[in-house]
C-alpha cells in the first residue's frame, strides 16, 4: 500500500527549484542578492489568489510583534515571510516536502529574514513542538492532502496556547462530486481528501475552537483563475509564476480549477477560529 505522505511529497517535489526560481527572478529584472519578500510573491505563496489572499487572511486578526506563529504546511515560505516582515512575528514553518523546506530557508536568508523565520521538515500529523508553543497557527491549502483531519487539527490545537488562534485559507468539498483532475494539489483521487465545511466545523468544535470569522471566497477565487488563464493565453507564462511548481500541465490544472468552481465541486474559505481559554 502506498504511503500518502510519500505520494504528497512526490507530487510537490521539484528538482533544482531554487536555481529555477533565481533564474526566473533575474529574467524578471530582480537583483537576487537584494531580494524583498514581495519580489517572490508571484510564486512563493502557492495557494489560490496568492499574496492577495495572504494579506486578507492576515488582516482578519491582530497579530503583533513577537507573536509566535506556526505555519503548518508552509511550502516555499511566502506567507511566513509576509507575517515576519509586516507584523514582526516570529514564524516557524513546517512542510512534508523537503525540497520546499530547503528553498524556504534559502529564501529567508536572501530576504534577510532568517532571524525571524525558520523552516523545518516535519509532518503536520506529528508536530515536533511542545504543548502551547504558539500564539497562532496559520495554514493554507494543506488539509486537502490529509485524510486524518482529527489528528491534523488536534496537533494544531495541542501546540496552540489557550486563547490562541487558528487562521486558515482552504478548499472544501462542494455540492457536486467528483472534482475534475488534475488540480494543483492532486493529479488524481489518491491524495485528495476534501471534506465539507460542516465536517470541518464539527472537528474544530470537538477540539475546543470557536469560529471568529468565516468568509466564502469561491467567487473571488473563480475570477482570479479566469484572469490567470486569460494572461496565459495572451502572453504565455511569465518567468516567475506557479507554473514552476505545478509542472507541465499547469494550464490544465488551472482550467480544471475554473470548472470545479463554476460547477461548485469545491468551495474556498478564509476563516479564523479561537481556541477556548479553558480547554
C-alpha atoms as a PDB file:
ATOM      1  CA  UNK A   1       0.000   0.000   0.000  1.00  0.00           C
ATOM      2  CA  UNK A   2       1.369   3.401  -0.949  1.00  0.00           C
ATOM      3  CA  UNK A   3       2.253   5.866   1.792  1.00  0.00           C
ATOM      4  CA  UNK A   4       0.142   9.030   1.305  1.00  0.00           C
ATOM      5  CA  UNK A   5       2.874  11.232   2.804  1.00  0.00           C
ATOM      6  CA  UNK A   6       5.401   9.939   0.278  1.00  0.00           C
ATOM      7  CA  UNK A   7       2.881  10.458  -2.515  1.00  0.00           C
ATOM      8  CA  UNK A   8       2.274  14.042  -1.425  1.00  0.00           C
ATOM      9  CA  UNK A   9       5.989  14.823  -1.240  1.00  0.00           C
ATOM     10  CA  UNK A  10       6.499  13.277  -4.689  1.00  0.00           C
ATOM     11  CA  UNK A  11       3.594  15.323  -6.083  1.00  0.00           C
ATOM     12  CA  UNK A  12       5.023  18.642  -4.902  1.00  0.00           C
ATOM     13  CA  UNK A  13       8.739  17.973  -5.190  1.00  0.00           C
ATOM     14  CA  UNK A  14      10.683  19.687  -7.978  1.00  0.00           C
ATOM     15  CA  UNK A  15      14.364  19.264  -8.847  1.00  0.00           C
ATOM     16  CA  UNK A  16      16.623  22.334  -8.891  1.00  0.00           C
ATOM     17  CA  UNK A  17      13.718  24.510  -7.760  1.00  0.00           C
ATOM     18  CA  UNK A  18      15.841  27.220  -6.129  1.00  0.00           C
ATOM     19  CA  UNK A  19      18.003  27.662  -9.225  1.00  0.00           C
ATOM     20  CA  UNK A  20      14.907  27.802 -11.418  1.00  0.00           C
ATOM     21  CA  UNK A  21      13.413  30.496  -9.199  1.00  0.00           C
ATOM     22  CA  UNK A  22      16.598  32.554  -9.111  1.00  0.00           C
ATOM     23  CA  UNK A  23      16.924  32.339 -12.899  1.00  0.00           C
ATOM     24  CA  UNK A  24      13.298  33.476 -13.250  1.00  0.00           C
ATOM     25  CA  UNK A  25      13.898  36.374 -10.869  1.00  0.00           C
ATOM     26  CA  UNK A  26      16.888  37.535 -12.864  1.00  0.00           C
ATOM     27  CA  UNK A  27      14.839  37.323 -16.087  1.00  0.00           C
ATOM     28  CA  UNK A  28      12.226  39.478 -14.320  1.00  0.00           C
ATOM     29  CA  UNK A  29      14.858  42.129 -13.670  1.00  0.00           C
ATOM     30  CA  UNK A  30      15.414  41.398  -9.968  1.00  0.00           C
ATOM     31  CA  UNK A  31      18.761  41.580  -8.194  1.00  0.00           C
ATOM     32  CA  UNK A  32      18.898  38.188  -6.472  1.00  0.00           C
ATOM     33  CA  UNK A  33      21.445  39.466  -3.964  1.00  0.00           C
ATOM     34  CA  UNK A  34      18.991  42.085  -2.683  1.00  0.00           C
ATOM     35  CA  UNK A  35      15.566  40.488  -2.628  1.00  0.00           C
ATOM     36  CA  UNK A  36      12.455  41.755  -0.888  1.00  0.00           C
ATOM     37  CA  UNK A  37       9.683  39.343   0.183  1.00  0.00           C
ATOM     38  CA  UNK A  38       7.326  40.982  -2.328  1.00  0.00           C
ATOM     39  CA  UNK A  39       9.701  40.046  -5.176  1.00  0.00           C
ATOM     40  CA  UNK A  40       8.863  36.400  -4.565  1.00  0.00           C
ATOM     41  CA  UNK A  41       5.088  36.802  -4.309  1.00  0.00           C
ATOM     42  CA  UNK A  42       4.302  35.537  -7.853  1.00  0.00           C
ATOM     43  CA  UNK A  43       5.480  32.044  -6.892  1.00  0.00           C
ATOM     44  CA  UNK A  44       6.166  31.548  -3.188  1.00  0.00           C
ATOM     45  CA  UNK A  45       2.580  31.820  -1.941  1.00  0.00           C
ATOM     46  CA  UNK A  46       1.347  28.640  -3.590  1.00  0.00           C
ATOM     47  CA  UNK A  47      -2.373  28.954  -2.977  1.00  0.00           C
ATOM     48  CA  UNK A  48      -5.398  30.447  -4.703  1.00  0.00           C
ATOM     49  CA  UNK A  49      -5.086  34.250  -5.154  1.00  0.00           C
ATOM     50  CA  UNK A  50      -1.518  34.164  -3.842  1.00  0.00           C
ATOM     51  CA  UNK A  51      -0.354  37.289  -1.984  1.00  0.00           C
ATOM     52  CA  UNK A  52      -3.834  38.847  -2.128  1.00  0.00           C
ATOM     53  CA  UNK A  53      -5.302  36.005  -0.060  1.00  0.00           C
ATOM     54  CA  UNK A  54      -2.382  36.056   2.375  1.00  0.00           C
ATOM     55  CA  UNK A  55      -2.871  39.755   3.083  1.00  0.00           C
ATOM     56  CA  UNK A  56      -6.622  39.338   3.561  1.00  0.00           C
ATOM     57  CA  UNK A  57      -6.228  36.459   5.977  1.00  0.00           C
ATOM     58  CA  UNK A  58      -3.537  38.202   7.993  1.00  0.00           C
ATOM     59  CA  UNK A  59      -5.709  41.272   8.447  1.00  0.00           C
ATOM     60  CA  UNK A  60      -8.654  39.282   9.793  1.00  0.00           C
ATOM     61  CA  UNK A  61      -6.921  39.359  13.159  1.00  0.00           C
ATOM     62  CA  UNK A  62      -4.499  41.474  15.172  1.00  0.00           C
ATOM     63  CA  UNK A  63      -1.145  39.738  15.018  1.00  0.00           C
ATOM     64  CA  UNK A  64       1.505  41.754  16.828  1.00  0.00           C
ATOM     65  CA  UNK A  65       5.298  41.932  17.059  1.00  0.00           C
ATOM     66  CA  UNK A  66       6.809  38.960  18.836  1.00  0.00           C
ATOM     67  CA  UNK A  67       3.814  36.668  18.380  1.00  0.00           C
ATOM     68  CA  UNK A  68       4.904  33.076  17.905  1.00  0.00           C
ATOM     69  CA  UNK A  69       3.282  31.731  14.762  1.00  0.00           C
ATOM     70  CA  UNK A  70       3.400  28.254  13.247  1.00  0.00           C
ATOM     71  CA  UNK A  71       2.807  27.935   9.521  1.00  0.00           C
ATOM     72  CA  UNK A  72       1.603  24.344   9.135  1.00  0.00           C
ATOM     73  CA  UNK A  73       2.356  23.325   5.564  1.00  0.00           C
ATOM     74  CA  UNK A  74       4.496  26.353   4.805  1.00  0.00           C
ATOM     75  CA  UNK A  75       5.527  25.457   1.254  1.00  0.00           C
ATOM     76  CA  UNK A  76       8.134  27.891  -0.043  1.00  0.00           C
ATOM     77  CA  UNK A  77       7.533  30.174   2.939  1.00  0.00           C
ATOM     78  CA  UNK A  78       5.921  33.185   1.295  1.00  0.00           C
ATOM     79  CA  UNK A  79       3.165  33.588   3.861  1.00  0.00           C
ATOM     80  CA  UNK A  80       5.598  33.123   6.751  1.00  0.00           C
ATOM     81  CA  UNK A  81       7.914  35.789   5.361  1.00  0.00           C
ATOM     82  CA  UNK A  82       4.977  38.149   4.896  1.00  0.00           C
ATOM     83  CA  UNK A  83       3.934  37.718   8.542  1.00  0.00           C
ATOM     84  CA  UNK A  84       7.506  38.222   9.726  1.00  0.00           C
ATOM     85  CA  UNK A  85       8.160  41.320   7.624  1.00  0.00           C
ATOM     86  CA  UNK A  86       4.786  43.065   8.040  1.00  0.00           C
ATOM     87  CA  UNK A  87       3.791  42.071  11.574  1.00  0.00           C
ATOM     88  CA  UNK A  88       7.219  41.328  13.065  1.00  0.00           C
ATOM     89  CA  UNK A  89       6.052  37.881  14.142  1.00  0.00           C
ATOM     90  CA  UNK A  90       8.431  35.031  14.890  1.00  0.00           C
ATOM     91  CA  UNK A  91       7.384  32.345  12.443  1.00  0.00           C
ATOM     92  CA  UNK A  92       8.223  28.651  12.296  1.00  0.00           C
ATOM     93  CA  UNK A  93       7.191  26.766   9.182  1.00  0.00           C
ATOM     94  CA  UNK A  94       6.911  23.017   8.693  1.00  0.00           C
ATOM     95  CA  UNK A  95       6.327  21.101   5.486  1.00  0.00           C
ATOM     96  CA  UNK A  96       6.338  17.462   4.393  1.00  0.00           C
ATOM     97  CA  UNK A  97       8.159  18.332   1.149  1.00  0.00           C
ATOM     98  CA  UNK A  98      11.867  18.578   1.934  1.00  0.00           C
ATOM     99  CA  UNK A  99      12.670  20.440  -1.282  1.00  0.00           C
ATOM    100  CA  UNK A 100      10.240  23.191  -0.265  1.00  0.00           C
ATOM    101  CA  UNK A 101      11.825  23.461   3.184  1.00  0.00           C
ATOM    102  CA  UNK A 102      15.313  23.821   1.729  1.00  0.00           C
ATOM    103  CA  UNK A 103      14.165  26.534  -0.685  1.00  0.00           C
ATOM    104  CA  UNK A 104      12.176  28.334   2.033  1.00  0.00           C
ATOM    105  CA  UNK A 105      15.222  28.589   4.309  1.00  0.00           C
ATOM    106  CA  UNK A 106      17.402  29.787   1.421  1.00  0.00           C
ATOM    107  CA  UNK A 107      14.859  32.467   0.518  1.00  0.00           C
ATOM    108  CA  UNK A 108      14.636  33.579   4.147  1.00  0.00           C
ATOM    109  CA  UNK A 109      18.383  34.267   4.044  1.00  0.00           C
ATOM    110  CA  UNK A 110      18.195  36.014   0.678  1.00  0.00           C
ATOM    111  CA  UNK A 111      15.491  38.349   2.018  1.00  0.00           C
ATOM    112  CA  UNK A 112      17.279  38.966   5.327  1.00  0.00           C
ATOM    113  CA  UNK A 113      14.590  37.320   7.438  1.00  0.00           C
ATOM    114  CA  UNK A 114      16.490  34.316   8.759  1.00  0.00           C
ATOM    115  CA  UNK A 115      16.328  35.684  12.330  1.00  0.00           C
ATOM    116  CA  UNK A 116      12.529  35.826  12.265  1.00  0.00           C
ATOM    117  CA  UNK A 117      11.614  32.847  10.111  1.00  0.00           C
ATOM    118  CA  UNK A 118      12.737  29.239  10.217  1.00  0.00           C
ATOM    119  CA  UNK A 119      11.527  26.198   8.310  1.00  0.00           C
ATOM    120  CA  UNK A 120      11.893  22.517   9.064  1.00  0.00           C
ATOM    121  CA  UNK A 121      10.954  19.223   7.503  1.00  0.00           C
ATOM    122  CA  UNK A 122       8.166  17.630   9.531  1.00  0.00           C
ATOM    123  CA  UNK A 123       4.726  16.066   9.321  1.00  0.00           C
ATOM    124  CA  UNK A 124       1.709  18.131  10.336  1.00  0.00           C
ATOM    125  CA  UNK A 125       0.324  14.930  11.878  1.00  0.00           C
ATOM    126  CA  UNK A 126       3.206  14.743  14.373  1.00  0.00           C
ATOM    127  CA  UNK A 127       4.380  18.265  15.116  1.00  0.00           C
ATOM    128  CA  UNK A 128       7.837  18.406  16.760  1.00  0.00           C
ATOM    129  CA  UNK A 129       6.857  21.102  19.274  1.00  0.00           C
ATOM    130  CA  UNK A 130       5.844  21.290  22.907  1.00  0.00           C
ATOM    131  CA  UNK A 131       2.278  21.934  24.033  1.00  0.00           C
ATOM    132  CA  UNK A 132       1.150  25.589  23.979  1.00  0.00           C
ATOM    133  CA  UNK A 133       4.221  26.654  21.973  1.00  0.00           C
ATOM    134  CA  UNK A 134       2.460  29.122  19.640  1.00  0.00           C
ATOM    135  CA  UNK A 135       0.142  32.113  19.849  1.00  0.00           C
ATOM    136  CA  UNK A 136      -1.343  31.354  16.439  1.00  0.00           C
ATOM    137  CA  UNK A 137      -1.253  28.664  13.765  1.00  0.00           C
ATOM    138  CA  UNK A 138      -1.583  29.559  10.099  1.00  0.00           C
ATOM    139  CA  UNK A 139      -2.384  27.089   7.337  1.00  0.00           C
ATOM    140  CA  UNK A 140      -3.291  27.496   3.660  1.00  0.00           C
ATOM    141  CA  UNK A 141      -4.205  24.782   1.178  1.00  0.00           C
ATOM    142  CA  UNK A 142      -2.800  21.906   3.229  1.00  0.00           C
ATOM    143  CA  UNK A 143      -5.577  19.813   4.744  1.00  0.00           C
ATOM    144  CA  UNK A 144      -6.960  18.658   1.387  1.00  0.00           C
ATOM    145  CA  UNK A 145      -3.912  16.351   1.138  1.00  0.00           C
ATOM    146  CA  UNK A 146      -4.503  14.955   4.652  1.00  0.00           C
ATOM    147  CA  UNK A 147      -7.077  12.230   5.309  1.00  0.00           C
ATOM    148  CA  UNK A 148      -6.889  12.320   9.112  1.00  0.00           C
ATOM    149  CA  UNK A 149      -8.430  15.721   9.861  1.00  0.00           C
ATOM    150  CA  UNK A 150      -8.860  14.965  13.560  1.00  0.00           C
ATOM    151  CA  UNK A 151      -5.141  14.386  14.049  1.00  0.00           C
ATOM    152  CA  UNK A 152      -4.160  17.340  11.841  1.00  0.00           C
ATOM    153  CA  UNK A 153      -6.268  19.869  13.726  1.00  0.00           C
ATOM    154  CA  UNK A 154      -5.686  18.080  17.021  1.00  0.00           C
ATOM    155  CA  UNK A 155      -1.945  18.581  16.682  1.00  0.00           C
ATOM    156  CA  UNK A 156      -2.532  22.224  15.808  1.00  0.00           C
ATOM    157  CA  UNK A 157      -4.675  22.643  18.933  1.00  0.00           C
ATOM    158  CA  UNK A 158      -2.065  20.905  21.088  1.00  0.00           C
ATOM    159  CA  UNK A 159       0.720  23.325  20.160  1.00  0.00           C
ATOM    160  CA  UNK A 160      -1.511  26.417  20.420  1.00  0.00           C
ATOM    161  CA  UNK A 161      -1.797  28.250  23.739  1.00  0.00           C
ATOM    162  CA  UNK A 162      -5.275  28.553  25.299  1.00  0.00           C
ATOM    163  CA  UNK A 163      -6.995  31.509  23.659  1.00  0.00           C
ATOM    164  CA  UNK A 164      -4.702  31.262  20.641  1.00  0.00           C
ATOM    165  CA  UNK A 165      -5.826  31.462  17.038  1.00  0.00           C
ATOM    166  CA  UNK A 166      -6.109  29.212  14.012  1.00  0.00           C
ATOM    167  CA  UNK A 167      -6.076  31.123  10.722  1.00  0.00           C
ATOM    168  CA  UNK A 168      -6.799  29.168   7.567  1.00  0.00           C
ATOM    169  CA  UNK A 169      -7.457  29.612   3.864  1.00  0.00           C
ATOM    170  CA  UNK A 170      -8.588  26.306   2.455  1.00  0.00           C
ATOM    171  CA  UNK A 171     -10.567  24.263  -0.029  1.00  0.00           C
ATOM    172  CA  UNK A 172     -13.587  22.179   0.956  1.00  0.00           C
ATOM    173  CA  UNK A 173     -15.966  19.812  -0.790  1.00  0.00           C
ATOM    174  CA  UNK A 174     -18.776  21.491  -2.717  1.00  0.00           C
ATOM    175  CA  UNK A 175     -22.279  20.375  -3.672  1.00  0.00           C
ATOM    176  CA  UNK A 176     -21.207  18.431  -6.780  1.00  0.00           C
ATOM    177  CA  UNK A 177     -18.874  15.438  -6.978  1.00  0.00           C
ATOM    178  CA  UNK A 178     -16.317  14.387  -8.027  1.00  0.00           C
ATOM    179  CA  UNK A 179     -13.833  17.147  -8.833  1.00  0.00           C
ATOM    180  CA  UNK A 180     -12.150  17.344 -12.209  1.00  0.00           C
ATOM    181  CA  UNK A 181      -8.480  16.258 -12.201  1.00  0.00           C
ATOM    182  CA  UNK A 182      -5.693  17.221 -12.330  1.00  0.00           C
ATOM    183  CA  UNK A 183      -5.715  20.081  -9.833  1.00  0.00           C
ATOM    184  CA  UNK A 184      -2.699  21.767  -8.218  1.00  0.00           C
ATOM    185  CA  UNK A 185      -2.880  19.596  -5.096  1.00  0.00           C
ATOM    186  CA  UNK A 186      -3.602  16.255  -6.754  1.00  0.00           C
ATOM    187  CA  UNK A 187      -3.313  14.578 -10.139  1.00  0.00           C
ATOM    188  CA  UNK A 188      -5.950  12.032  -9.117  1.00  0.00           C
ATOM    189  CA  UNK A 189      -8.069  10.978  -6.146  1.00  0.00           C
ATOM    190  CA  UNK A 190      -5.225   9.170  -4.350  1.00  0.00           C
ATOM    191  CA  UNK A 191      -4.082  12.249  -2.399  1.00  0.00           C
ATOM    192  CA  UNK A 192      -7.281  14.298  -2.471  1.00  0.00           C
ATOM    193  CA  UNK A 193      -9.134  14.273   0.861  1.00  0.00           C
ATOM    194  CA  UNK A 194     -11.684  17.065   0.711  1.00  0.00           C
ATOM    195  CA  UNK A 195     -14.364  17.321   3.401  1.00  0.00           C
ATOM    196  CA  UNK A 196     -17.318  19.677   3.627  1.00  0.00           C
ATOM    197  CA  UNK A 197     -17.205  22.908   5.589  1.00  0.00           C
ATOM    198  CA  UNK A 198     -19.685  21.466   8.087  1.00  0.00           C
ATOM    199  CA  UNK A 199     -17.483  18.411   8.645  1.00  0.00           C
ATOM    200  CA  UNK A 200     -14.505  20.671   9.336  1.00  0.00           C
ATOM    201  CA  UNK A 201     -16.524  22.850  11.725  1.00  0.00           C
ATOM    202  CA  UNK A 202     -17.569  19.732  13.645  1.00  0.00           C
ATOM    203  CA  UNK A 203     -13.928  18.685  14.065  1.00  0.00           C
ATOM    204  CA  UNK A 204     -12.927  22.137  15.290  1.00  0.00           C
ATOM    205  CA  UNK A 205     -15.823  22.206  17.747  1.00  0.00           C
ATOM    206  CA  UNK A 206     -14.743  18.928  19.351  1.00  0.00           C
ATOM    207  CA  UNK A 207     -11.243  20.376  19.808  1.00  0.00           C
ATOM    208  CA  UNK A 208     -12.483  23.473  21.629  1.00  0.00           C
ATOM    209  CA  UNK A 209     -12.389  26.022  18.823  1.00  0.00           C
ATOM    210  CA  UNK A 210     -14.986  28.730  18.233  1.00  0.00           C
ATOM    211  CA  UNK A 211     -15.313  30.324  14.795  1.00  0.00           C
ATOM    212  CA  UNK A 212     -14.499  34.058  14.849  1.00  0.00           C
ATOM    213  CA  UNK A 213     -14.671  34.739  11.121  1.00  0.00           C
ATOM    214  CA  UNK A 214     -15.835  32.655   8.132  1.00  0.00           C
ATOM    215  CA  UNK A 215     -15.761  34.013   4.565  1.00  0.00           C
ATOM    216  CA  UNK A 216     -16.580  32.134   1.369  1.00  0.00           C
ATOM    217  CA  UNK A 217     -14.044  33.221  -1.248  1.00  0.00           C
ATOM    218  CA  UNK A 218     -15.194  30.931  -4.060  1.00  0.00           C
ATOM    219  CA  UNK A 219     -16.355  33.697  -6.416  1.00  0.00           C
ATOM    220  CA  UNK A 220     -13.183  35.739  -5.884  1.00  0.00           C
ATOM    221  CA  UNK A 221     -11.176  32.566  -6.500  1.00  0.00           C
ATOM    222  CA  UNK A 222     -13.027  31.855  -9.749  1.00  0.00           C
ATOM    223  CA  UNK A 223     -12.412  35.376 -11.017  1.00  0.00           C
ATOM    224  CA  UNK A 224      -8.728  35.082 -10.122  1.00  0.00           C
ATOM    225  CA  UNK A 225      -8.316  31.834 -12.060  1.00  0.00           C
ATOM    226  CA  UNK A 226     -10.118  33.310 -15.069  1.00  0.00           C
ATOM    227  CA  UNK A 227      -7.654  36.204 -15.044  1.00  0.00           C
ATOM    228  CA  UNK A 228      -4.714  33.801 -14.782  1.00  0.00           C
ATOM    229  CA  UNK A 229      -5.904  31.799 -17.794  1.00  0.00           C
ATOM    230  CA  UNK A 230      -6.543  34.979 -19.787  1.00  0.00           C
ATOM    231  CA  UNK A 231      -2.993  36.197 -19.118  1.00  0.00           C
ATOM    232  CA  UNK A 232      -1.536  32.808 -20.023  1.00  0.00           C
ATOM    233  CA  UNK A 233      -3.433  32.810 -23.323  1.00  0.00           C
ATOM    234  CA  UNK A 234      -2.359  36.342 -24.209  1.00  0.00           C
ATOM    235  CA  UNK A 235       1.229  36.401 -23.010  1.00  0.00           C
ATOM    236  CA  UNK A 236       2.225  32.853 -22.083  1.00  0.00           C
ATOM    237  CA  UNK A 237       3.706  32.028 -18.687  1.00  0.00           C
ATOM    238  CA  UNK A 238       5.790  34.763 -17.012  1.00  0.00           C
ATOM    239  CA  UNK A 239       9.369  33.947 -15.946  1.00  0.00           C
ATOM    240  CA  UNK A 240       8.266  33.691 -12.293  1.00  0.00           C
ATOM    241  CA  UNK A 241       4.954  32.009 -11.536  1.00  0.00           C
ATOM    242  CA  UNK A 242       3.106  28.997 -10.187  1.00  0.00           C
ATOM    243  CA  UNK A 243       3.967  27.021 -13.325  1.00  0.00           C
ATOM    244  CA  UNK A 244       7.417  26.468 -11.772  1.00  0.00           C
ATOM    245  CA  UNK A 245       5.640  24.412  -9.097  1.00  0.00           C
ATOM    246  CA  UNK A 246       2.754  22.809 -10.964  1.00  0.00           C
ATOM    247  CA  UNK A 247       4.743  21.258 -13.801  1.00  0.00           C
ATOM    248  CA  UNK A 248       3.996  20.888 -17.491  1.00  0.00           C
ATOM    249  CA  UNK A 249       0.230  20.528 -17.009  1.00  0.00           C
ATOM    250  CA  UNK A 250      -0.204  23.866 -15.189  1.00  0.00           C
ATOM    251  CA  UNK A 251      -2.712  25.154 -17.759  1.00  0.00           C
ATOM    252  CA  UNK A 252      -4.884  22.032 -17.419  1.00  0.00           C
ATOM    253  CA  UNK A 253      -4.830  22.348 -13.639  1.00  0.00           C
ATOM    254  CA  UNK A 254      -5.904  25.980 -13.764  1.00  0.00           C
ATOM    255  CA  UNK A 255      -8.650  25.244 -16.306  1.00  0.00           C
ATOM    256  CA  UNK A 256      -9.954  22.456 -14.071  1.00  0.00           C
ATOM    257  CA  UNK A 257      -9.977  24.823 -11.123  1.00  0.00           C
ATOM    258  CA  UNK A 258     -12.302  27.081 -13.113  1.00  0.00           C
ATOM    259  CA  UNK A 259     -14.608  24.161 -13.987  1.00  0.00           C
ATOM    260  CA  UNK A 260     -14.627  22.924 -10.406  1.00  0.00           C
ATOM    261  CA  UNK A 261     -15.536  26.363  -9.055  1.00  0.00           C
ATOM    262  CA  UNK A 262     -18.146  27.028 -11.735  1.00  0.00           C
ATOM    263  CA  UNK A 263     -19.793  23.667 -11.016  1.00  0.00           C
ATOM    264  CA  UNK A 264     -19.468  24.101  -7.236  1.00  0.00           C
ATOM    265  CA  UNK A 265     -17.348  20.980  -6.898  1.00  0.00           C
ATOM    266  CA  UNK A 266     -15.322  22.720  -4.216  1.00  0.00           C
ATOM    267  CA  UNK A 267     -15.530  25.936  -2.215  1.00  0.00           C
ATOM    268  CA  UNK A 268     -12.785  28.228  -0.930  1.00  0.00           C
ATOM    269  CA  UNK A 269     -12.939  29.609   2.612  1.00  0.00           C
ATOM    270  CA  UNK A 270     -10.908  32.026   4.722  1.00  0.00           C
ATOM    271  CA  UNK A 271     -11.527  31.721   8.449  1.00  0.00           C
ATOM    272  CA  UNK A 272     -10.289  32.449  11.952  1.00  0.00           C
ATOM    273  CA  UNK A 273     -11.028  30.200  14.919  1.00  0.00           C
ATOM    274  CA  UNK A 274     -10.137  30.793  18.564  1.00  0.00           C
ATOM    275  CA  UNK A 275      -9.099  28.058  20.953  1.00  0.00           C
ATOM    276  CA  UNK A 276     -11.082  28.136  24.168  1.00  0.00           C
ATOM    277  CA  UNK A 277      -9.223  29.506  27.196  1.00  0.00           C
ATOM    278  CA  UNK A 278     -10.430  26.637  29.373  1.00  0.00           C
ATOM    279  CA  UNK A 279      -9.684  23.704  27.113  1.00  0.00           C
END
